[in-house]
């Protein structure tokens, strides 16, 4: 794990109800460099995690929900038998905020040893 990821995981999400601009392209690129295996598509960052079975996948989904609820910043999840794609964007600003990257880093930190990105 890089020091940059540790910096993101030490932060907490800030409430975002709109009224602020999304991150610009340079900010997004800089923050994306701090994450391992996350991709950018439009205004969404995504990563697919693979698991051995359904039980592990659902454990990941539940842990992701726990982290997201603590941060009050929730991803879209696409769940299959042995994989889960996590998509983060900040709907209130129709783009990316630092919250998306904080949550992505926290999800990675929880599962660094157990999940392998696809």
N, C-alpha and C. Protein backbone atom coordinates (compact mmCIF):
# COMPACT_ATOMS: atom_id res chain seq x y z
N UNK A 1 0.85 -1.17 0.00
CA UNK A 1 0.00 0.00 0.00
C UNK A 1 0.89 1.23 0.00
N UNK A 2 0.56 2.20 -0.79
CA UNK A 2 1.37 3.40 -0.88
C UNK A 2 0.99 4.39 0.20
N UNK A 3 1.89 5.32 0.47
CA UNK A 3 1.61 6.35 1.47
C UNK A 3 0.44 7.21 1.04
N UNK A 4 0.28 7.43 -0.25
CA UNK A 4 -0.81 8.26 -0.74
C UNK A 4 -2.16 7.65 -0.38
N UNK A 5 -2.28 6.33 -0.51
CA UNK A 5 -3.53 5.68 -0.15
C UNK A 5 -3.77 5.85 1.34
N UNK A 6 -2.73 5.73 2.15
CA UNK A 6 -2.89 5.93 3.59
C UNK A 6 -3.43 7.32 3.88
N UNK A 7 -2.97 8.32 3.16
CA UNK A 7 -3.47 9.67 3.36
C UNK A 7 -4.97 9.73 3.11
N UNK A 8 -5.46 9.09 2.05
CA UNK A 8 -6.90 9.09 1.77
C UNK A 8 -7.66 8.32 2.84
N UNK A 9 -7.13 7.23 3.31
CA UNK A 9 -7.85 6.43 4.29
C UNK A 9 -7.89 7.10 5.66
N UNK A 10 -7.02 8.05 5.90
CA UNK A 10 -7.03 8.80 7.15
C UNK A 10 -8.08 9.90 7.15
N UNK A 11 -8.65 10.20 6.00
CA UNK A 11 -9.64 11.27 5.89
C UNK A 11 -11.05 10.71 6.09
N UNK A 12 -11.98 11.61 6.32
CA UNK A 12 -13.39 11.27 6.41
C UNK A 12 -14.16 12.07 5.38
N UNK A 13 -15.25 11.49 4.90
CA UNK A 13 -16.07 12.19 3.91
C UNK A 13 -16.75 13.40 4.53
N UNK A 14 -16.90 14.42 3.73
CA UNK A 14 -17.60 15.63 4.14
C UNK A 14 -18.98 15.63 3.50
N UNK A 15 -20.00 16.08 4.21
CA UNK A 15 -21.34 16.12 3.62
C UNK A 15 -21.33 16.92 2.32
N UNK A 16 -22.03 16.41 1.31
CA UNK A 16 -22.10 17.07 0.02
C UNK A 16 -23.55 17.06 -0.44
N UNK A 17 -24.18 18.19 -0.38
CA UNK A 17 -25.58 18.30 -0.78
C UNK A 17 -25.70 19.07 -2.09
N UNK A 18 -24.61 19.25 -2.78
CA UNK A 18 -24.63 20.02 -4.02
C UNK A 18 -24.13 21.43 -3.75
N UNK A 19 -24.16 22.25 -4.79
CA UNK A 19 -23.72 23.63 -4.64
C UNK A 19 -22.22 23.83 -4.72
N UNK A 20 -21.47 22.75 -4.90
CA UNK A 20 -20.03 22.84 -5.10
C UNK A 20 -19.70 22.16 -6.42
N UNK A 21 -18.68 22.62 -7.10
CA UNK A 21 -18.35 21.99 -8.39
C UNK A 21 -17.68 20.63 -8.18
N UNK A 22 -17.84 19.74 -9.16
CA UNK A 22 -17.09 18.48 -9.10
C UNK A 22 -15.60 18.75 -9.27
N UNK A 23 -14.78 17.77 -8.94
CA UNK A 23 -13.34 17.91 -9.15
C UNK A 23 -13.04 18.10 -10.63
N UNK A 24 -12.00 18.86 -10.92
CA UNK A 24 -11.61 19.04 -12.32
C UNK A 24 -10.73 17.86 -12.75
N UNK A 25 -10.44 17.80 -14.03
CA UNK A 25 -9.70 16.66 -14.59
C UNK A 25 -8.35 16.45 -13.92
N UNK A 26 -7.63 17.51 -13.64
CA UNK A 26 -6.31 17.38 -13.01
C UNK A 26 -6.44 16.82 -11.60
N UNK A 27 -7.42 17.28 -10.84
CA UNK A 27 -7.63 16.77 -9.48
C UNK A 27 -8.01 15.28 -9.52
N UNK A 28 -8.87 14.92 -10.46
CA UNK A 28 -9.28 13.52 -10.60
C UNK A 28 -8.07 12.65 -10.93
N UNK A 29 -7.26 13.07 -11.88
CA UNK A 29 -6.07 12.29 -12.26
C UNK A 29 -5.13 12.11 -11.07
N UNK A 30 -4.91 13.18 -10.31
CA UNK A 30 -4.01 13.10 -9.16
C UNK A 30 -4.54 12.13 -8.10
N UNK A 31 -5.83 12.19 -7.82
CA UNK A 31 -6.40 11.30 -6.81
C UNK A 31 -6.46 9.86 -7.32
N UNK A 32 -6.73 9.68 -8.60
CA UNK A 32 -6.81 8.33 -9.16
C UNK A 32 -5.46 7.62 -9.08
N UNK A 33 -4.38 8.37 -9.18
CA UNK A 33 -3.03 7.80 -9.06
C UNK A 33 -2.79 7.20 -7.68
N UNK A 34 -3.56 7.66 -6.70
CA UNK A 34 -3.39 7.18 -5.33
C UNK A 34 -4.15 5.87 -5.08
N UNK A 35 -4.94 5.43 -6.05
CA UNK A 35 -5.71 4.20 -5.91
C UNK A 35 -5.14 3.12 -6.80
N UNK A 36 -5.29 1.88 -6.38
CA UNK A 36 -4.77 0.75 -7.13
C UNK A 36 -5.90 0.03 -7.87
N UNK A 37 -5.85 0.06 -9.20
CA UNK A 37 -6.78 -0.72 -9.99
C UNK A 37 -8.13 -0.07 -10.26
N UNK A 38 -8.33 1.15 -9.85
CA UNK A 38 -9.58 1.85 -10.11
C UNK A 38 -9.48 2.53 -11.47
N UNK A 39 -10.59 2.52 -12.20
CA UNK A 39 -10.63 3.14 -13.52
C UNK A 39 -11.65 4.27 -13.54
N UNK A 40 -11.46 5.16 -14.47
CA UNK A 40 -12.35 6.31 -14.64
C UNK A 40 -13.13 6.15 -15.93
N UNK A 41 -14.44 6.25 -15.82
CA UNK A 41 -15.32 6.26 -16.99
C UNK A 41 -16.29 7.42 -16.80
N UNK A 42 -16.10 8.47 -17.57
CA UNK A 42 -16.94 9.65 -17.40
C UNK A 42 -16.73 10.26 -16.03
N UNK A 43 -17.79 10.31 -15.24
CA UNK A 43 -17.70 10.87 -13.89
C UNK A 43 -17.86 9.80 -12.82
N UNK A 44 -17.38 8.59 -13.13
CA UNK A 44 -17.48 7.46 -12.20
C UNK A 44 -16.12 6.77 -12.09
N UNK A 45 -15.72 6.44 -10.85
CA UNK A 45 -14.56 5.57 -10.67
C UNK A 45 -15.08 4.19 -10.31
N UNK A 46 -14.42 3.15 -10.86
CA UNK A 46 -14.90 1.78 -10.69
C UNK A 46 -13.75 0.82 -10.46
N UNK A 47 -14.11 -0.27 -9.77
CA UNK A 47 -13.18 -1.38 -9.60
C UNK A 47 -14.00 -2.65 -9.42
N UNK A 48 -13.53 -3.74 -10.02
CA UNK A 48 -14.18 -5.03 -9.86
C UNK A 48 -13.30 -5.91 -8.99
N UNK A 49 -13.91 -6.45 -7.94
CA UNK A 49 -13.25 -7.37 -7.02
C UNK A 49 -13.74 -8.78 -7.32
N UNK A 50 -12.83 -9.75 -7.34
CA UNK A 50 -13.17 -11.14 -7.59
C UNK A 50 -12.96 -11.96 -6.32
N UNK A 51 -13.82 -12.98 -6.14
CA UNK A 51 -13.78 -13.82 -4.95
C UNK A 51 -13.90 -15.29 -5.33
N UNK A 52 -13.66 -16.17 -4.36
CA UNK A 52 -13.73 -17.61 -4.61
C UNK A 52 -15.15 -18.12 -4.71
N UNK A 53 -16.09 -17.44 -4.01
CA UNK A 53 -17.45 -17.96 -3.96
C UNK A 53 -18.44 -16.85 -3.60
N UNK A 54 -19.69 -17.23 -3.57
CA UNK A 54 -20.77 -16.29 -3.28
C UNK A 54 -20.68 -15.75 -1.86
N UNK A 55 -20.35 -16.62 -0.91
CA UNK A 55 -20.25 -16.20 0.48
C UNK A 55 -19.23 -15.07 0.64
N UNK A 56 -18.06 -15.22 0.05
CA UNK A 56 -17.03 -14.17 0.14
C UNK A 56 -17.50 -12.88 -0.55
N UNK A 57 -18.18 -13.05 -1.68
CA UNK A 57 -18.70 -11.87 -2.38
C UNK A 57 -19.67 -11.11 -1.49
N UNK A 58 -20.58 -11.83 -0.85
CA UNK A 58 -21.57 -11.17 -0.01
C UNK A 58 -20.95 -10.58 1.26
N UNK A 59 -19.91 -11.20 1.77
CA UNK A 59 -19.20 -10.62 2.91
C UNK A 59 -18.57 -9.28 2.50
N UNK A 60 -18.01 -9.24 1.30
CA UNK A 60 -17.45 -8.00 0.77
C UNK A 60 -18.54 -6.94 0.61
N UNK A 61 -19.69 -7.32 0.07
CA UNK A 61 -20.80 -6.38 -0.11
C UNK A 61 -21.22 -5.81 1.24
N UNK A 62 -21.36 -6.66 2.24
CA UNK A 62 -21.77 -6.19 3.57
C UNK A 62 -20.73 -5.28 4.20
N UNK A 63 -19.47 -5.62 4.05
CA UNK A 63 -18.41 -4.76 4.61
C UNK A 63 -18.35 -3.42 3.87
N UNK A 64 -18.56 -3.46 2.56
CA UNK A 64 -18.59 -2.22 1.77
C UNK A 64 -19.75 -1.34 2.23
N UNK A 65 -20.89 -1.96 2.48
CA UNK A 65 -22.05 -1.21 2.98
C UNK A 65 -21.75 -0.58 4.34
N UNK A 66 -21.03 -1.31 5.19
CA UNK A 66 -20.69 -0.80 6.51
C UNK A 66 -19.78 0.44 6.40
N UNK A 67 -18.73 0.32 5.58
CA UNK A 67 -17.82 1.45 5.39
C UNK A 67 -18.57 2.64 4.79
N UNK A 68 -19.37 2.37 3.78
CA UNK A 68 -20.10 3.44 3.10
C UNK A 68 -21.08 4.13 4.04
N UNK A 69 -21.74 3.37 4.89
CA UNK A 69 -22.68 3.96 5.83
C UNK A 69 -21.97 4.83 6.85
N UNK A 70 -20.81 4.36 7.33
CA UNK A 70 -20.02 5.17 8.28
C UNK A 70 -19.59 6.50 7.66
N UNK A 71 -19.28 6.47 6.37
CA UNK A 71 -18.83 7.69 5.68
C UNK A 71 -20.01 8.49 5.11
N UNK A 72 -21.19 7.90 5.14
CA UNK A 72 -22.39 8.52 4.56
C UNK A 72 -22.16 8.88 3.09
N UNK A 73 -21.52 7.95 2.39
CA UNK A 73 -21.25 8.12 0.95
C UNK A 73 -21.34 6.74 0.32
N UNK A 74 -22.34 6.53 -0.52
CA UNK A 74 -22.73 5.19 -0.93
C UNK A 74 -22.45 4.93 -2.41
N UNK A 75 -21.85 3.77 -2.70
CA UNK A 75 -21.56 3.41 -4.10
C UNK A 75 -22.73 2.68 -4.74
N UNK A 76 -22.64 2.52 -6.05
CA UNK A 76 -23.49 1.59 -6.76
C UNK A 76 -22.70 0.29 -6.84
N UNK A 77 -23.37 -0.82 -6.59
CA UNK A 77 -22.72 -2.13 -6.60
C UNK A 77 -23.39 -3.01 -7.64
N UNK A 78 -22.58 -3.72 -8.41
CA UNK A 78 -23.09 -4.74 -9.34
C UNK A 78 -22.54 -6.07 -8.82
N UNK A 79 -23.43 -6.92 -8.30
CA UNK A 79 -23.03 -8.13 -7.60
C UNK A 79 -23.33 -9.37 -8.44
N UNK A 80 -22.34 -10.23 -8.55
CA UNK A 80 -22.49 -11.53 -9.19
C UNK A 80 -22.06 -12.62 -8.23
N UNK A 81 -22.05 -13.85 -8.69
CA UNK A 81 -21.71 -15.00 -7.84
C UNK A 81 -20.34 -14.82 -7.17
N UNK A 82 -19.33 -14.48 -7.95
CA UNK A 82 -17.98 -14.40 -7.40
C UNK A 82 -17.27 -13.09 -7.73
N UNK A 83 -18.05 -12.04 -7.92
CA UNK A 83 -17.44 -10.74 -8.17
C UNK A 83 -18.39 -9.62 -7.80
N UNK A 84 -17.81 -8.45 -7.58
CA UNK A 84 -18.60 -7.26 -7.29
C UNK A 84 -17.88 -6.06 -7.89
N UNK A 85 -18.61 -5.30 -8.69
CA UNK A 85 -18.07 -4.04 -9.22
C UNK A 85 -18.59 -2.91 -8.34
N UNK A 86 -17.68 -2.05 -7.93
CA UNK A 86 -18.00 -0.90 -7.09
C UNK A 86 -17.83 0.35 -7.94
N UNK A 87 -18.88 1.16 -8.00
CA UNK A 87 -18.86 2.43 -8.73
C UNK A 87 -19.10 3.57 -7.75
N UNK A 88 -18.21 4.54 -7.75
CA UNK A 88 -18.39 5.74 -6.93
C UNK A 88 -18.51 6.97 -7.82
N UNK A 89 -19.46 7.81 -7.49
CA UNK A 89 -19.63 9.15 -8.04
C UNK A 89 -20.43 9.93 -7.01
N UNK A 90 -20.40 11.23 -7.08
CA UNK A 90 -21.17 12.05 -6.15
C UNK A 90 -22.37 12.61 -6.91
N UNK A 91 -23.51 11.95 -6.70
CA UNK A 91 -24.71 12.29 -7.46
C UNK A 91 -25.14 13.75 -7.25
N UNK A 92 -24.97 14.28 -6.04
CA UNK A 92 -25.42 15.64 -5.72
C UNK A 92 -24.74 16.70 -6.57
N UNK A 93 -23.52 16.40 -7.06
CA UNK A 93 -22.81 17.39 -7.87
C UNK A 93 -22.60 16.90 -9.30
N UNK A 94 -23.18 15.74 -9.60
CA UNK A 94 -23.09 15.15 -10.95
C UNK A 94 -21.64 15.03 -11.41
N UNK A 95 -20.80 14.53 -10.53
CA UNK A 95 -19.39 14.36 -10.85
C UNK A 95 -18.67 13.73 -9.67
N UNK A 96 -17.36 13.84 -9.67
CA UNK A 96 -16.54 13.23 -8.64
C UNK A 96 -16.15 14.25 -7.57
N UNK A 97 -16.15 13.79 -6.33
CA UNK A 97 -15.67 14.59 -5.21
C UNK A 97 -14.58 13.80 -4.50
N UNK A 98 -13.89 14.43 -3.59
CA UNK A 98 -12.87 13.73 -2.83
C UNK A 98 -13.48 12.55 -2.07
N UNK A 99 -14.75 12.66 -1.68
CA UNK A 99 -15.43 11.57 -0.97
C UNK A 99 -15.34 10.24 -1.73
N UNK A 100 -15.47 10.29 -3.05
CA UNK A 100 -15.42 9.08 -3.85
C UNK A 100 -14.07 8.38 -3.69
N UNK A 101 -13.02 9.14 -3.67
CA UNK A 101 -11.67 8.59 -3.57
C UNK A 101 -11.35 8.12 -2.15
N UNK A 102 -11.87 8.83 -1.16
CA UNK A 102 -11.71 8.41 0.23
C UNK A 102 -12.35 7.04 0.44
N UNK A 103 -13.58 6.89 -0.02
CA UNK A 103 -14.27 5.61 0.15
C UNK A 103 -13.60 4.50 -0.64
N UNK A 104 -13.17 4.79 -1.84
CA UNK A 104 -12.47 3.77 -2.65
C UNK A 104 -11.22 3.28 -1.93
N UNK A 105 -10.45 4.20 -1.36
CA UNK A 105 -9.24 3.83 -0.64
C UNK A 105 -9.56 3.00 0.60
N UNK A 106 -10.63 3.34 1.29
CA UNK A 106 -11.01 2.60 2.49
C UNK A 106 -11.48 1.19 2.14
N UNK A 107 -12.18 1.03 1.04
CA UNK A 107 -12.59 -0.30 0.60
C UNK A 107 -11.35 -1.12 0.25
N UNK A 108 -10.42 -0.52 -0.47
CA UNK A 108 -9.17 -1.22 -0.80
C UNK A 108 -8.40 -1.63 0.45
N UNK A 109 -8.34 -0.76 1.42
CA UNK A 109 -7.58 -1.06 2.64
C UNK A 109 -8.18 -2.24 3.38
N UNK A 110 -9.51 -2.31 3.45
CA UNK A 110 -10.16 -3.41 4.15
C UNK A 110 -9.88 -4.76 3.51
N UNK A 111 -9.76 -4.77 2.19
CA UNK A 111 -9.67 -6.04 1.48
C UNK A 111 -8.38 -6.21 0.70
N UNK A 112 -7.34 -5.55 1.13
CA UNK A 112 -6.08 -5.59 0.41
C UNK A 112 -5.52 -7.02 0.30
N UNK A 113 -5.72 -7.83 1.30
CA UNK A 113 -5.18 -9.19 1.29
C UNK A 113 -6.16 -10.21 0.73
N UNK A 114 -7.46 -9.92 0.79
CA UNK A 114 -8.47 -10.92 0.41
C UNK A 114 -9.00 -10.79 -1.01
N UNK A 115 -9.06 -9.59 -1.53
CA UNK A 115 -9.69 -9.38 -2.84
C UNK A 115 -8.64 -9.05 -3.88
N UNK A 116 -8.83 -9.59 -5.04
CA UNK A 116 -7.93 -9.29 -6.14
C UNK A 116 -8.72 -8.60 -7.23
N UNK A 117 -8.31 -7.37 -7.63
CA UNK A 117 -9.04 -6.69 -8.70
C UNK A 117 -8.93 -7.46 -9.99
N UNK A 118 -9.97 -7.39 -10.76
CA UNK A 118 -10.02 -8.06 -12.04
C UNK A 118 -9.38 -7.22 -13.11
